Protein backbone atom coordinates (compact mmCIF):
# COMPACT_ATOMS: atom_id res chain seq x y z
CA ASP A 1 76.24 100.50 87.20
CA ALA A 2 72.28 100.82 85.88
CA GLY A 3 70.24 100.03 89.14
CA GLY A 4 72.81 102.99 90.49
CA ARG A 5 72.06 106.15 88.63
CA LEU A 6 68.36 104.37 88.86
CA LYS A 7 68.59 104.17 92.40
CA LEU A 8 70.12 107.91 92.54
CA LEU A 9 67.55 109.44 90.25
CA ARG A 10 65.07 108.26 91.99
CA THR A 11 66.27 109.64 95.30
CA LEU A 12 66.58 112.86 93.06
CA CYS A 13 63.36 113.06 92.23
CA ILE A 14 62.04 111.78 96.22
CA SER A 15 64.21 115.64 97.36
CA VAL A 16 62.66 117.58 94.60
CA LEU A 17 58.88 116.08 95.72
CA LEU A 18 59.77 116.54 99.14
CA THR A 19 61.57 120.64 98.53
CA MET A 20 58.70 121.61 96.34
CA PRO A 21 55.68 122.11 99.70
CA LEU A 22 58.52 124.71 100.79
CA PHE A 23 57.91 126.96 98.04
CA TRP A 24 55.02 127.80 100.28
CA ASN A 25 54.41 129.59 103.13
CA MET A 26 53.36 126.96 105.60
CA ARG A 27 53.36 126.88 109.35
CA PRO A 28 56.14 125.84 110.91
CA ALA A 29 55.16 122.57 112.07
CA ILE A 30 54.24 121.24 109.05
CA GLN A 31 57.60 122.74 107.60
CA LEU A 32 59.78 120.23 110.24
CA VAL A 33 57.57 117.33 109.31
CA ILE A 34 58.28 117.51 105.71
CA ALA A 35 62.55 118.90 106.86
CA THR A 36 62.53 115.70 108.54
CA LEU A 37 61.46 113.71 105.84
CA ILE A 38 64.12 115.15 103.82
CA GLN A 39 67.01 115.03 106.01
CA PHE A 40 66.85 111.40 107.02
CA TRP A 41 65.16 110.13 103.57
CA PRO A 42 67.15 111.13 100.46
CA GLY A 43 70.06 113.20 103.03
CA MET A 44 69.92 109.73 104.38
CA TYR A 45 73.02 108.95 101.12
CA PHE A 46 75.18 111.62 102.28
CA TYR A 47 74.68 110.16 106.19
CA LYS A 48 75.89 106.94 104.99
CA SER A 49 78.34 108.05 102.60
CA ALA A 50 79.88 110.09 105.48
CA TRP A 51 80.41 107.03 107.77
CA ALA A 52 81.82 104.99 104.96
CA SER A 53 84.32 107.18 105.00
CA LEU A 54 84.44 107.98 108.32
CA ARG A 55 85.26 104.12 108.87
CA GLN A 56 88.12 104.36 106.24
CA LYS A 57 89.93 107.49 109.00
CA VAL A 58 88.82 109.95 106.24
CA LEU A 59 86.55 113.16 106.09
CA GLY A 60 85.17 113.10 102.30
CA MET A 61 83.45 115.24 100.01
CA ASP A 62 80.05 114.08 101.36
CA PHE A 63 80.93 114.41 105.41
CA LEU A 64 80.82 118.65 104.28
CA VAL A 65 77.46 117.72 103.08
CA ALA A 66 75.69 116.15 105.79
CA LEU A 67 77.39 118.32 108.41
CA SER A 68 76.10 121.19 106.48
CA THR A 69 72.56 120.45 106.05
CA THR A 70 72.02 118.93 109.27
CA VAL A 71 73.27 121.98 111.07
CA ILE A 72 70.91 124.04 108.76
CA TYR A 73 67.95 121.25 110.14
CA LEU A 74 69.16 121.95 113.48
CA HIS A 75 69.13 125.09 113.80
CA SER A 76 65.79 125.60 111.96
CA ALA A 77 64.21 122.91 114.29
CA TYR A 78 65.28 124.50 117.09
CA THR A 79 63.82 127.55 116.25
CA VAL A 80 60.22 126.24 115.32
CA PHE A 81 60.43 125.25 119.16
CA THR A 82 61.73 128.23 120.59
CA VAL A 83 60.89 130.91 118.66
CA HIS A 84 57.31 132.20 118.21
CA GLU A 85 56.69 135.43 116.38
CA ASN A 86 58.65 136.32 113.45
CA VAL A 87 60.14 133.08 112.22
CA LYS A 88 62.91 132.46 110.07
CA LEU A 89 63.32 128.81 108.50
CA TYR A 90 66.05 127.81 106.36
CA PHE A 91 63.96 123.79 106.18
CA LEU A 92 63.57 125.52 102.57
CA SER A 93 67.66 125.89 101.28
CA GLU A 94 68.20 122.67 103.18
CA GLY A 95 65.83 120.76 100.90
CA VAL A 96 66.84 123.15 97.53
CA LEU A 97 70.92 122.13 98.87
CA LEU A 98 70.14 118.68 99.29
CA SER A 99 68.09 118.22 96.13
CA LEU A 100 70.83 119.95 93.64
CA ILE A 101 73.59 118.44 95.03
CA LEU A 102 71.95 114.87 94.46
CA PHE A 103 71.59 116.25 91.06
CA GLY A 104 75.12 116.88 90.62
CA LYS A 105 76.04 113.50 92.38
CA TYR A 106 73.38 112.13 89.41
CA MET A 107 74.90 114.32 86.46
CA GLU A 108 78.32 112.63 87.54
CA SER A 109 76.86 108.82 88.07
CA THR A 110 75.94 109.72 84.43
CA SER A 111 79.24 111.08 82.89
CA ARG A 112 80.86 107.91 84.41
CA TYR A 113 78.78 105.97 82.86
CA GLU A 114 79.08 108.17 79.80
CA ALA A 115 82.87 107.59 79.97
CA SER A 116 82.96 103.48 80.35
CA GLU A 117 80.80 103.29 77.12
CA ALA A 118 84.19 102.03 75.49
CA ILE A 119 83.98 99.00 77.76
CA ARG A 120 80.64 98.01 77.13
CA LYS A 121 80.92 98.90 72.97
CA LEU A 122 83.52 96.02 72.95
CA ILE A 123 81.17 93.63 75.43
CA ARG A 124 77.61 94.61 73.32
CA LEU A 125 80.12 92.48 70.27
CA ARG A 126 80.38 89.19 71.73
CA PRO A 127 77.67 86.93 70.02
CA GLU A 128 75.42 84.84 72.90
CA THR A 129 75.46 81.77 70.21
CA ALA A 130 77.46 80.42 68.00
CA ASN A 131 76.21 78.37 64.98
CA ILE A 132 78.66 74.04 64.84
CA ILE A 133 78.79 71.54 63.60
CA ARG A 134 77.85 68.71 65.78
CA ASP A 135 77.90 64.99 64.52
CA ARG A 136 77.30 66.23 61.52
CA ALA A 137 74.57 68.33 61.77
CA GLU A 138 74.14 72.30 62.17
CA MET A 139 72.78 73.53 65.13
CA THR A 140 72.57 77.28 67.29
CA VAL A 141 74.02 76.37 71.05
CA GLY A 142 75.32 79.02 73.70
CA ILE A 143 79.00 79.67 73.93
CA ALA A 144 79.68 78.24 77.53
CA GLU A 145 77.97 75.09 75.31
CA LEU A 146 80.72 74.66 72.90
CA LYS A 147 83.60 72.18 72.92
CA PRO A 148 86.88 71.91 71.09
CA ASP A 149 85.84 69.95 68.50
CA ASP A 150 82.97 71.44 67.27
CA THR A 151 83.85 73.59 64.56
CA VAL A 152 81.96 77.28 64.05
CA ILE A 153 80.05 78.32 60.55
CA ILE A 154 80.66 81.95 60.21
CA ARG A 155 78.48 83.40 57.37
CA SER A 156 78.22 86.88 55.81
CA GLY A 157 76.77 89.63 58.29
CA GLU A 158 77.75 87.45 61.26
CA ARG A 159 79.75 88.38 64.47
CA VAL A 160 82.89 86.02 65.03
CA PRO A 161 81.88 84.42 68.84
CA ILE A 162 85.08 82.82 69.54
CA ASP A 163 89.13 82.85 68.59
CA GLY A 164 89.95 80.59 66.61
CA ALA A 165 91.94 79.16 63.63
CA VAL A 166 89.90 79.33 59.64
CA THR A 167 89.58 75.24 58.89
CA GLY A 168 87.53 75.84 55.76
CA GLY A 169 86.55 78.08 53.47
CA GLY A 170 87.00 81.96 53.06
CA CYS A 171 85.69 85.24 53.75
CA GLU A 172 85.95 88.80 54.45
CA ALA A 173 86.51 89.91 58.16
CA ASP A 174 85.71 93.56 59.44
CA GLU A 175 88.78 94.03 61.84
CA SER A 176 88.22 97.22 63.43
CA MET A 177 86.04 97.64 66.88
CA LEU A 178 89.61 95.43 68.26
CA THR A 179 92.41 97.12 66.07
CA GLY A 180 90.70 101.13 65.09
CA GLU A 181 91.73 100.18 61.29
CA SER A 182 88.69 99.87 58.62
CA THR A 183 90.53 97.68 55.66
CA LEU A 184 88.73 94.48 55.56
CA VAL A 185 91.27 90.76 55.85
CA SER A 186 91.85 88.05 54.30
CA LYS A 187 91.29 84.97 56.14
CA HIS A 188 91.98 82.08 55.04
CA VAL A 189 93.06 78.54 56.05
CA GLY A 190 95.26 78.44 58.75
CA ASP A 191 94.48 82.56 59.49
CA ARG A 192 92.81 83.05 63.06
CA MET A 193 90.18 85.04 63.57
CA PHE A 194 88.78 86.74 66.81
CA CYS A 195 85.63 87.15 68.55
CA GLY A 196 83.92 90.08 68.16
CA THR A 197 84.64 90.67 64.30
CA LEU A 198 82.76 90.99 61.60
CA CYS A 199 82.08 88.51 58.38
CA ARG A 200 81.43 91.36 55.93
CA ARG A 201 81.94 88.54 53.16
CA GLY A 202 82.08 84.77 52.90
CA GLU A 203 81.66 81.78 54.58
CA ALA A 204 84.79 80.39 56.74
CA ARG A 205 84.84 77.70 59.16
CA LEU A 206 86.68 78.04 63.19
CA SER A 207 88.06 75.31 65.02
CA CYS A 208 86.96 75.76 68.91
CA ALA A 209 90.45 74.13 69.99
CA ASP A 210 91.31 77.19 72.25
CA ILE A 211 87.78 78.42 73.68
CA ALA A 212 89.11 77.18 77.37
CA GLY A 213 91.20 80.32 76.76
CA LYS A 214 90.99 84.25 77.23
CA THR A 215 89.65 85.53 73.80
CA VAL A 216 91.41 88.78 72.50
CA LEU A 217 88.29 90.64 73.25
CA GLN A 218 88.42 89.88 76.43
CA GLN A 219 91.78 90.77 77.03
CA ILE A 220 91.22 93.97 75.89
CA ILE A 221 88.18 94.32 77.69
CA ASP A 222 90.28 93.80 81.35
CA ILE A 223 93.28 95.75 79.73
CA VAL A 224 90.30 99.03 79.95
CA SER A 225 88.54 97.91 82.19
CA CYS A 226 91.38 98.04 84.81
CA ALA A 227 93.47 101.06 83.37
CA GLN A 228 90.13 103.28 84.20
CA ASN A 229 89.66 101.92 87.84
CA GLU A 230 93.25 102.34 87.89
CA LYS A 231 94.01 105.50 90.05
CA ALA A 232 97.50 107.16 87.82
CA PRO A 233 99.98 109.17 90.48
CA ILE A 234 97.31 112.84 89.63
CA ALA A 235 94.54 111.12 90.97
CA ARG A 236 96.44 110.45 93.84
CA LEU A 237 97.74 113.84 94.62
CA ALA A 238 94.31 115.39 94.12
CA ASP A 239 92.94 112.74 96.86
CA LYS A 240 95.36 113.91 99.22
CA ILE A 241 94.93 117.43 98.77
CA ALA A 242 90.84 116.86 98.99
CA ALA A 243 91.84 114.50 102.60
CA VAL A 244 93.74 117.35 104.24
CA PHE A 245 91.48 119.96 102.66
CA VAL A 246 88.11 119.21 103.80
CA PRO A 247 89.87 118.97 107.41
CA VAL A 248 90.32 122.58 106.78
CA VAL A 249 87.32 123.58 105.42
CA ILE A 250 85.68 122.38 108.64
CA VAL A 251 88.38 124.65 110.89
CA ILE A 252 87.84 127.71 108.30
CA SER A 253 83.72 127.18 109.09
CA ALA A 254 84.29 127.40 112.82
CA ALA A 255 86.71 130.29 112.94
CA VAL A 256 83.53 132.20 110.31
CA PHE A 257 80.90 131.25 112.87
CA CYS A 258 82.61 132.36 115.98
CA LEU A 259 83.92 136.02 114.09
CA ARG A 260 80.27 136.37 112.98
CA TYR A 261 78.53 135.22 115.99
CA PHE A 262 80.72 137.06 118.34
CA CYS A 263 82.19 139.83 116.52
CA ILE A 264 81.04 140.55 113.14
CA ASP A 265 76.92 140.44 113.96
CA ALA A 266 76.73 139.61 117.41
CA GLY A 267 74.14 137.06 118.73
CA ASN A 268 72.25 136.85 115.40
CA LEU A 269 72.57 133.30 115.32
CA SER A 270 70.97 132.18 111.92
CA SER A 271 73.85 134.29 109.89
CA ALA A 272 76.39 132.83 111.68
CA VAL A 273 74.56 129.46 111.45
CA ASN A 274 73.79 130.88 107.12
CA CYS A 275 77.61 131.75 106.74
CA VAL A 276 78.45 128.51 108.51
CA CYS A 277 77.09 126.09 105.80
CA ALA A 278 77.34 127.86 102.46
CA THR A 279 81.05 127.90 103.33
CA LEU A 280 81.04 124.30 104.16
CA VAL A 281 78.82 123.14 101.13
CA ILE A 282 80.77 125.91 98.41
CA ALA A 283 83.86 124.16 99.91
CA CYS A 284 83.31 120.82 98.84
CA PRO A 285 86.33 119.97 96.65
CA CYS A 286 83.67 118.03 94.02
CA ALA A 287 85.33 119.24 91.12
CA LEU A 288 88.44 118.27 92.71
CA GLY A 289 88.10 114.93 93.51
CA LEU A 290 86.58 114.48 89.93
CA ALA A 291 89.22 116.15 87.92
CA THR A 292 91.51 113.70 86.90
CA PRO A 293 89.43 110.40 87.22
CA THR A 294 86.62 111.27 84.76
CA SER A 295 89.56 112.43 82.14
CA ILE A 296 91.40 109.46 82.75
CA MET A 297 88.48 106.76 82.21
CA THR A 298 87.31 108.95 78.77
CA GLY A 299 90.87 109.04 77.19
CA SER A 300 91.23 105.64 78.53
CA GLY A 301 88.03 104.45 76.90
CA ARG A 302 88.25 107.14 73.88
CA ALA A 303 91.93 105.35 73.21
CA ALA A 304 90.78 101.73 72.95
CA GLU A 305 88.18 103.16 70.34
CA LEU A 306 91.12 103.44 68.53
CA GLY A 307 93.03 99.99 68.72
CA VAL A 308 95.78 101.59 70.97
CA LEU A 309 95.56 100.02 74.94
CA PHE A 310 96.80 101.54 78.11
CA ARG A 311 97.35 99.06 80.71
CA GLY A 312 97.12 101.98 83.27
CA GLY A 313 96.20 105.46 84.26
CA GLU A 314 99.73 106.34 84.79
CA GLN A 315 100.88 104.99 81.59
CA LEU A 316 98.30 107.29 79.91
CA GLU A 317 99.54 109.80 82.71
CA THR A 318 103.36 109.59 81.81
CA ALA A 319 103.51 108.64 77.68
CA TYR A 320 103.51 111.98 76.34
CA LYS A 321 106.61 113.28 78.35
CA THR A 322 109.07 111.19 76.00
CA ASP A 323 111.99 112.67 74.73
CA ALA A 324 113.56 109.65 72.81
CA ILE A 325 111.43 106.87 70.71
CA ILE A 326 113.67 103.55 69.72
CA PHE A 327 111.86 101.48 67.34
CA ASP A 328 112.86 97.75 66.99
CA LYS A 329 113.76 97.25 62.87
CA THR A 330 111.75 93.79 62.01
CA GLY A 331 108.39 93.28 62.87
CA THR A 332 107.50 97.11 63.75
CA LEU A 333 109.22 99.70 60.90
CA THR A 334 109.26 96.92 58.61
CA LEU A 335 107.30 93.95 57.25
CA GLY A 336 108.54 90.47 55.36
CA LEU A 337 110.24 90.15 52.55
CA SER A 338 109.07 91.61 49.03
CA ASP A 339 111.34 90.62 46.08
CA GLY A 340 114.70 89.90 47.82
CA GLU A 341 114.57 93.46 50.16
CA GLU A 342 112.43 94.30 53.29
CA GLN A 343 109.50 95.99 52.75
CA LEU A 344 108.57 99.46 54.99
CA ARG A 345 105.53 99.45 57.00
CA ALA A 346 102.65 101.51 55.40
CA GLY A 347 103.01 104.85 57.31
CA SER A 348 106.29 103.98 59.12
CA ALA A 349 107.96 107.59 57.20
CA ALA A 350 105.69 109.52 57.51
CA VAL A 351 105.63 108.78 61.59
CA ILE A 352 109.40 109.33 62.09
CA GLU A 353 109.13 112.71 60.49
CA ASP A 354 106.46 113.95 62.08
CA LEU A 355 107.78 112.36 65.66
CA LYS A 356 111.02 113.92 64.03
CA LYS A 357 109.35 117.91 64.40
CA ARG A 358 107.45 116.91 67.71
CA GLY A 359 111.71 117.02 68.94
CA MET A 360 111.92 113.37 69.79
CA GLU A 361 115.35 111.82 69.19
CA ILE A 362 114.54 108.70 66.40
CA TRP A 363 116.35 105.57 67.39
CA MET A 364 116.53 102.34 65.22
CA ILE A 365 117.46 98.98 66.43
CA SER A 366 117.89 95.90 64.82
CA GLY A 367 120.12 92.53 65.27
CA ASP A 368 120.46 92.41 61.13
CA LYS A 369 123.90 93.34 59.29
CA LYS A 370 124.57 97.24 59.25
CA GLU A 371 124.22 97.18 55.72
CA LYS A 372 120.98 96.33 55.50
CA ALA A 373 119.69 98.00 59.30
CA ASP A 374 121.73 100.84 57.46
CA ARG A 375 119.50 100.60 54.16
CA ILE A 376 116.20 101.44 55.69
CA ALA A 377 117.77 103.78 58.34
CA GLY A 378 117.92 105.42 55.47
CA LEU A 379 114.84 105.41 53.96
CA LEU A 380 113.51 106.33 56.69
CA GLY A 381 115.25 109.26 57.75
CA ILE A 382 116.91 108.06 61.07
CA GLU A 383 120.18 108.66 61.90
CA ASN A 384 120.95 106.79 65.07
CA VAL A 385 121.19 102.61 64.02
CA LEU A 386 122.18 100.18 66.31
CA SER A 387 122.73 97.25 64.32
CA GLU A 388 123.46 93.15 65.13
CA VAL A 389 121.97 93.70 68.46
CA LYS A 390 120.73 90.42 70.52
CA PRO A 391 117.69 90.69 71.62
CA GLN A 392 118.60 90.67 75.59
CA ASP A 393 120.98 93.61 74.76
CA LYS A 394 118.29 96.05 73.77
CA ALA A 395 117.48 96.81 77.05
CA ASP A 396 120.91 97.66 77.37
CA ALA A 397 120.24 100.67 74.79
CA VAL A 398 116.88 101.91 76.61
CA LYS A 399 118.60 102.49 79.65
CA ALA A 400 122.28 103.98 77.69
CA LEU A 401 119.35 106.28 75.99
CA GLN A 402 118.08 106.75 80.09
CA ALA A 403 121.21 107.54 82.18
CA ARG A 404 121.75 111.01 79.27
CA GLY A 405 118.47 111.98 81.37
CA LYS A 406 116.58 110.70 78.31
CA ARG A 407 112.47 109.57 78.46
CA VAL A 408 112.68 106.62 77.07
CA CYS A 409 109.41 104.98 74.25
CA PHE A 410 110.69 102.03 72.97
CA VAL A 411 108.23 100.36 70.49
CA GLY A 412 108.50 96.77 68.86
CA ASP A 413 106.32 93.21 68.33
CA GLY A 414 105.40 92.14 72.00
CA ILE A 415 107.37 88.97 70.71
CA ASN A 416 111.46 89.47 71.95
CA ASP A 417 111.62 92.84 72.65
CA SER A 418 109.77 92.29 76.10
CA PRO A 419 113.20 93.36 78.73
CA ALA A 420 113.31 96.36 76.06
CA LEU A 421 109.64 97.16 76.20
CA ALA A 422 109.86 96.22 80.37
CA CYS A 423 112.91 98.85 81.21
CA ALA A 424 112.02 102.03 78.73
CA ASP A 425 109.81 104.45 80.29
CA THR A 426 106.79 104.00 77.85
CA GLY A 427 107.01 100.47 76.45
CA ILE A 428 105.04 99.93 72.79
CA ALA A 429 103.87 96.72 71.92
CA LEU A 430 102.65 96.87 68.34
CA GLY A 431 100.71 94.57 65.87
CA CYS A 432 99.58 92.25 68.81
CA GLY A 433 96.91 89.82 67.15
CA THR A 434 97.23 86.88 69.71
CA ASP A 435 100.00 88.27 72.01
CA ILE A 436 97.57 91.64 72.83
CA ALA A 437 98.45 90.68 76.27
CA ILE A 438 101.96 91.11 76.84
CA SER A 439 102.77 91.57 80.66
CA SER A 440 105.92 93.52 79.88
CA ALA A 441 104.21 96.15 77.96
CA ASP A 442 102.68 99.66 78.97
CA VAL A 443 100.77 100.23 75.61
CA MET A 444 99.32 97.84 72.97
CA ILE A 445 98.37 98.52 69.48
CA ALA A 446 95.75 95.64 68.92
CA GLY A 447 96.40 96.89 65.16
CA SER A 448 99.37 96.67 62.26
CA SER A 449 99.41 99.72 61.74
CA ILE A 450 102.41 102.15 63.26
CA GLU A 451 100.81 105.82 62.73
CA SER A 452 98.94 104.27 66.03
CA VAL A 453 102.16 104.74 67.93
CA ARG A 454 101.16 108.96 67.11
CA THR A 455 97.44 108.38 68.59
CA VAL A 456 99.72 106.95 72.54
CA PHE A 457 101.12 110.38 72.84
CA ASP A 458 98.93 112.90 71.75
CA ILE A 459 95.73 111.28 73.31
CA SER A 460 98.20 111.54 76.38
CA SER A 461 98.54 114.88 75.70
CA ALA A 462 95.02 115.98 75.49
CA THR A 463 94.43 113.92 78.55
CA MET A 464 96.23 115.40 80.60
CA LYS A 465 95.44 118.85 79.14
CA ASN A 466 92.24 118.00 80.11
CA VAL A 467 92.89 117.18 84.09
CA ARG A 468 95.04 120.30 84.43
CA GLN A 469 92.42 122.76 83.29
CA ASN A 470 90.16 120.51 85.95
CA LEU A 471 92.41 121.52 88.05
CA ILE A 472 92.60 125.06 87.71
CA TRP A 473 89.50 125.25 87.52
CA ALA A 474 88.56 123.62 90.41
CA LEU A 475 91.23 125.86 92.46
CA ILE A 476 89.94 129.50 90.48
CA TYR A 477 86.62 128.72 91.85
CA ASN A 478 87.04 127.52 95.52
CA ILE A 479 89.98 130.63 95.74
CA ILE A 480 86.55 132.95 94.56
CA CYS A 481 83.31 130.95 96.16
CA ILE A 482 84.88 130.67 99.96
CA PRO A 483 86.07 133.97 100.76
CA LEU A 484 82.38 135.42 99.73
CA ALA A 485 80.47 132.33 101.35
CA ALA A 486 82.58 132.99 104.59
CA ALA A 487 81.76 136.96 104.05
CA GLY A 488 77.63 135.89 104.19
CA ILE A 489 77.31 137.36 100.51
CA ILE A 490 76.42 133.26 99.55
CA ASN A 491 73.69 131.93 100.74
CA PRO A 492 73.41 127.88 101.25
CA SER A 493 71.09 127.46 98.31
CA ILE A 494 73.74 129.28 96.11
CA ALA A 495 76.46 127.77 97.61
CA ALA A 496 74.77 124.50 96.39
CA ALA A 497 74.16 125.99 92.58
CA ALA A 498 77.48 126.60 92.48
CA MET A 499 79.18 123.29 93.98
CA SER A 500 76.82 121.89 91.43
CA LEU A 501 77.75 124.17 88.46
CA SER A 502 81.29 123.29 89.23
CA SER A 503 81.20 119.72 89.49
CA ASN A 504 79.14 119.70 86.34
CA GLY A 505 81.65 121.42 84.50
CA VAL A 506 84.49 119.24 84.71
CA LEU A 507 82.85 115.93 84.15
CA LEU A 508 80.90 118.06 80.44
CA ASN A 509 84.84 119.19 80.08
CA ALA A 510 86.50 115.19 80.19
CA LEU A 511 83.59 113.97 78.08
CA ARG A 512 84.54 116.20 75.74
CA LEU A 513 87.71 113.64 75.04
CA LYS A 514 85.33 111.45 74.25
CA ASN A 515 85.26 113.22 70.40
CA TYR A 516 88.78 113.11 70.51
CA ASP A 517 90.13 112.21 66.94
CA LYS A 518 87.06 112.36 65.37
């Protein structure tokens, strides 16, 4: 949150200000006093984090930082009291090390804050007050003060404060921040308007009868928040790798110390400590730990801005693997009747053609008579058709494809397709409107555009590509840098800079997803 970022920035500034005097050649005793302040004031951030992870029986990334800076501090403090000529201290390395890693932490915090911008944008859409008619008088009240028998007045240029049915007047509403679609929607008596949408033209009156329930906007905020906080399988894998990696690094560091102190540079404690600290710092698997959560957060946030809501990180991770897709006909590929014939949903033919080009096996399923279903399938170029199917049998069609080894996506209108949506590897509920919180769907499309189905696969693919890039970068970094640190080629300060650069590279790459499809 903003408060945590400010506190971290304050800690970073203190560390930098205390480190600056160490660049001058001061007396060892003065350097010790300053270094003590650095180690146990801004450095306390890492001690607290290391202790918290140890209590959970995990050797976290901050444990390596706390361990390496403590070793540098104790070695240099011991030197101050025991060596009186040609004193070589590493307090400056300790200060630079802590400052650089705190800078990396601050950048991580800032990146996470940026990645969750989608939720804050949605929250900012909620008006805090509403203009109402109560006791035949117009007044302005807070949202919490609304009563079920109130009537809300919405005028041109105002945001809708509640979900409610239009009881009088009419207007043109901009629902793009909920649905991702820029076309204005005409609202008349009996239509529903949604919290956070914008009245562009006209004036309408809304019923407050449904204020007790959650608004569509709040449900979307909850879904996006859940998706960003839930760990995807690949993120859990990265955590497991990091949990093994840290103890291995500690063992390697101990071996490096013994090798240098007893063999390579026998008796040179300073050289051995330097190599150990550089190895501990450069091996901090921060980039590995950040590789997946930042990408998942940014990808799911960007998807929400486009009107596509992933229920969790797992759904975002697996959607792009789809190789067979079943479309429900009525309400998904088609709209209502026009001149006695069923009308195709705008863009459906183009979407089907695009998905076929991707190599997906396309199916259409319908409860309608064979003649009607075949006519629609012919217009869309769909060769695989199941007609006269009961709603409860749609799930069997999904299972039949899965039995052939297919990863199946089912796209339905989310009303009577719950069993099929639940059975599919990826269930997409299209045009949910007030049914936005359908529990059986993996992905919900807030608008009515079938073209958003492509967005589901595209943003899933883009996010996982981003994750793989980050993991490869983290792996290459460790393969190259750990041997250099162990060999004494890289000192602790340079190691800290390299580690921060690696972490920030991962974060900046993840944030590129914010520009997806712009």
